[in-house]
Amino acid sequence: MHVRLRLYLAGASPNSVIALANLRAALKEHPDRIVDLELIDILADPARGIDDGILVTPMLVKIHPLPERRILGNLRDREMLLGVLEVGGCEVE
């Protein structure tokens, strides 16, 4: 399955760095998952964050496949993250 994600970050803030590391670790455990990951730094491009309705970072948004899903925070909750990615039979309702 092909998954398209956007991770909104606030520069190299501690939570942003942790979120990116947690996401990469989860994806590495599932190499069968084809993922397009777009990183958006709202400190470098605040208009993009406003246009996309992002009020809090870090935020992961699953764009494809629908339905869109969002997770706030540093992505430490592996079960929630895998549910959004629809990995291993986990799916967020």
C-alpha atoms as a PDB file:
ATOM      1  CA  MET A   1       0.000   0.000   0.000  1.00  0.00           C
ATOM      2  CA  HIS A   2       1.215   3.491  -0.866  1.00  0.00           C
ATOM      3  CA  VAL A   3       0.908   6.077   1.923  1.00  0.00           C
ATOM      4  CA  ARG A   4       1.408   9.827   1.595  1.00  0.00           C
ATOM      5  CA  LEU A   5       2.274  11.711   4.794  1.00  0.00           C
ATOM      6  CA  ARG A   6       3.024  15.262   5.826  1.00  0.00           C
ATOM      7  CA  LEU A   7       4.907  16.009   9.008  1.00  0.00           C
ATOM      8  CA  TYR A   8       4.642  19.594  10.183  1.00  0.00           C
ATOM      9  CA  LEU A   9       7.587  20.600  12.349  1.00  0.00           C
ATOM     10  CA  ALA A  10       8.776  23.686  14.184  1.00  0.00           C
ATOM     11  CA  GLY A  11      12.404  23.781  13.118  1.00  0.00           C
ATOM     12  CA  ALA A  12      14.710  21.661  15.251  1.00  0.00           C
ATOM     13  CA  SER A  13      12.612  21.938  18.407  1.00  0.00           C
ATOM     14  CA  PRO A  14      12.989  18.925  20.721  1.00  0.00           C
ATOM     15  CA  ASN A  15       9.480  17.587  20.048  1.00  0.00           C
ATOM     16  CA  SER A  16       9.916  17.988  16.287  1.00  0.00           C
ATOM     17  CA  VAL A  17      13.214  16.088  16.319  1.00  0.00           C
ATOM     18  CA  ILE A  18      11.691  13.325  18.453  1.00  0.00           C
ATOM     19  CA  ALA A  19       8.596  13.095  16.225  1.00  0.00           C
ATOM     20  CA  LEU A  20      10.700  12.709  13.092  1.00  0.00           C
ATOM     21  CA  ALA A  21      12.907  10.064  14.747  1.00  0.00           C
ATOM     22  CA  ASN A  22       9.859   8.128  16.001  1.00  0.00           C
ATOM     23  CA  LEU A  23       8.230   8.235  12.575  1.00  0.00           C
ATOM     24  CA  ARG A  24      11.384   7.085  10.804  1.00  0.00           C
ATOM     25  CA  ALA A  25      11.830   4.247  13.318  1.00  0.00           C
ATOM     26  CA  ALA A  26       8.249   3.069  12.772  1.00  0.00           C
ATOM     27  CA  LEU A  27       8.627   3.192   9.003  1.00  0.00           C
ATOM     28  CA  LYS A  28      11.935   1.325   9.157  1.00  0.00           C
ATOM     29  CA  GLU A  29      10.165  -1.541  10.939  1.00  0.00           C
ATOM     30  CA  HIS A  30       7.746  -1.834   8.001  1.00  0.00           C
ATOM     31  CA  PRO A  31       9.870  -1.735   4.837  1.00  0.00           C
ATOM     32  CA  ASP A  32       6.959  -3.131   2.801  1.00  0.00           C
ATOM     33  CA  ARG A  33       5.134   0.173   3.276  1.00  0.00           C
ATOM     34  CA  ILE A  34       5.722   2.615   0.398  1.00  0.00           C
ATOM     35  CA  VAL A  35       5.704   6.077   1.960  1.00  0.00           C
ATOM     36  CA  ASP A  36       6.013   9.543   0.490  1.00  0.00           C
ATOM     37  CA  LEU A  37       6.929  11.808   3.387  1.00  0.00           C
ATOM     38  CA  GLU A  38       6.789  15.575   3.036  1.00  0.00           C
ATOM     39  CA  LEU A  39       8.450  17.549   5.837  1.00  0.00           C
ATOM     40  CA  ILE A  40       7.100  21.049   6.367  1.00  0.00           C
ATOM     41  CA  ASP A  41       8.920  23.410   8.706  1.00  0.00           C
ATOM     42  CA  ILE A  42       6.385  26.041   9.711  1.00  0.00           C
ATOM     43  CA  LEU A  43       9.124  28.264  11.108  1.00  0.00           C
ATOM     44  CA  ALA A  44      10.625  28.481   7.625  1.00  0.00           C
ATOM     45  CA  ASP A  45       7.222  28.667   5.896  1.00  0.00           C
ATOM     46  CA  PRO A  46       4.598  29.974   8.355  1.00  0.00           C
ATOM     47  CA  ALA A  47       2.123  30.749   5.565  1.00  0.00           C
ATOM     48  CA  ARG A  48       2.013  27.053   4.656  1.00  0.00           C
ATOM     49  CA  GLY A  49       1.103  26.145   8.210  1.00  0.00           C
ATOM     50  CA  ILE A  50      -1.646  28.759   8.268  1.00  0.00           C
ATOM     51  CA  ASP A  51      -2.965  27.728   4.847  1.00  0.00           C
ATOM     52  CA  ASP A  52      -3.028  24.063   5.917  1.00  0.00           C
ATOM     53  CA  GLY A  53      -4.759  24.885   9.220  1.00  0.00           C
ATOM     54  CA  ILE A  54      -1.872  23.740  11.413  1.00  0.00           C
ATOM     55  CA  LEU A  55      -2.042  25.280  14.876  1.00  0.00           C
ATOM     56  CA  VAL A  56       0.198  22.877  16.805  1.00  0.00           C
ATOM     57  CA  THR A  57       3.407  21.053  15.948  1.00  0.00           C
ATOM     58  CA  PRO A  58       4.571  18.458  15.529  1.00  0.00           C
ATOM     59  CA  MET A  59       1.605  17.141  13.561  1.00  0.00           C
ATOM     60  CA  LEU A  60       1.547  14.138  11.264  1.00  0.00           C
ATOM     61  CA  VAL A  61      -1.133  14.104   8.574  1.00  0.00           C
ATOM     62  CA  LYS A  62      -1.908  11.022   6.497  1.00  0.00           C
ATOM     63  CA  ILE A  63      -3.074  12.407   3.153  1.00  0.00           C
ATOM     64  CA  HIS A  64      -3.482   9.165   1.213  1.00  0.00           C
ATOM     65  CA  PRO A  65      -5.229   6.798   1.350  1.00  0.00           C
ATOM     66  CA  LEU A  66      -8.360   8.490   2.590  1.00  0.00           C
ATOM     67  CA  PRO A  67      -9.691   9.166   5.132  1.00  0.00           C
ATOM     68  CA  GLU A  68      -7.220  11.801   6.246  1.00  0.00           C
ATOM     69  CA  ARG A  69      -5.822  11.196   9.733  1.00  0.00           C
ATOM     70  CA  ARG A  70      -3.897  13.494  12.069  1.00  0.00           C
ATOM     71  CA  ILE A  71      -1.688  12.860  15.071  1.00  0.00           C
ATOM     72  CA  LEU A  72      -0.387  15.613  17.326  1.00  0.00           C
ATOM     73  CA  GLY A  73       2.748  15.350  19.396  1.00  0.00           C
ATOM     74  CA  ASN A  74       6.048  13.536  19.287  1.00  0.00           C
ATOM     75  CA  LEU A  75       4.622  10.264  17.860  1.00  0.00           C
ATOM     76  CA  ARG A  76       5.764   8.171  20.826  1.00  0.00           C
ATOM     77  CA  ASP A  77       2.424   6.365  20.921  1.00  0.00           C
ATOM     78  CA  ARG A  78       3.432   3.563  18.570  1.00  0.00           C
ATOM     79  CA  GLU A  79      -0.022   1.946  18.526  1.00  0.00           C
ATOM     80  CA  MET A  80      -1.661   5.204  17.419  1.00  0.00           C
ATOM     81  CA  LEU A  81       1.052   5.814  14.824  1.00  0.00           C
ATOM     82  CA  LEU A  82       0.733   2.315  13.354  1.00  0.00           C
ATOM     83  CA  GLY A  83      -3.026   2.738  13.298  1.00  0.00           C
ATOM     84  CA  VAL A  84      -2.738   5.892  11.239  1.00  0.00           C
ATOM     85  CA  LEU A  85      -0.306   4.142   8.905  1.00  0.00           C
ATOM     86  CA  GLU A  86      -2.653   1.124   8.807  1.00  0.00           C
ATOM     87  CA  VAL A  87       0.162  -1.301   9.589  1.00  0.00           C
ATOM     88  CA  GLY A  88      -0.192  -4.760  11.055  1.00  0.00           C
ATOM     89  CA  GLY A  89      -3.963  -4.846  11.168  1.00  0.00           C
ATOM     90  CA  CYS A  90      -4.142  -1.713  13.309  1.00  0.00           C
ATOM     91  CA  GLU A  91      -6.560   0.875  12.068  1.00  0.00           C
ATOM     92  CA  VAL A  92      -7.836   3.980  13.811  1.00  0.00           C
ATOM     93  CA  GLU A  93     -11.627   4.231  13.773  1.00  0.00           C
END
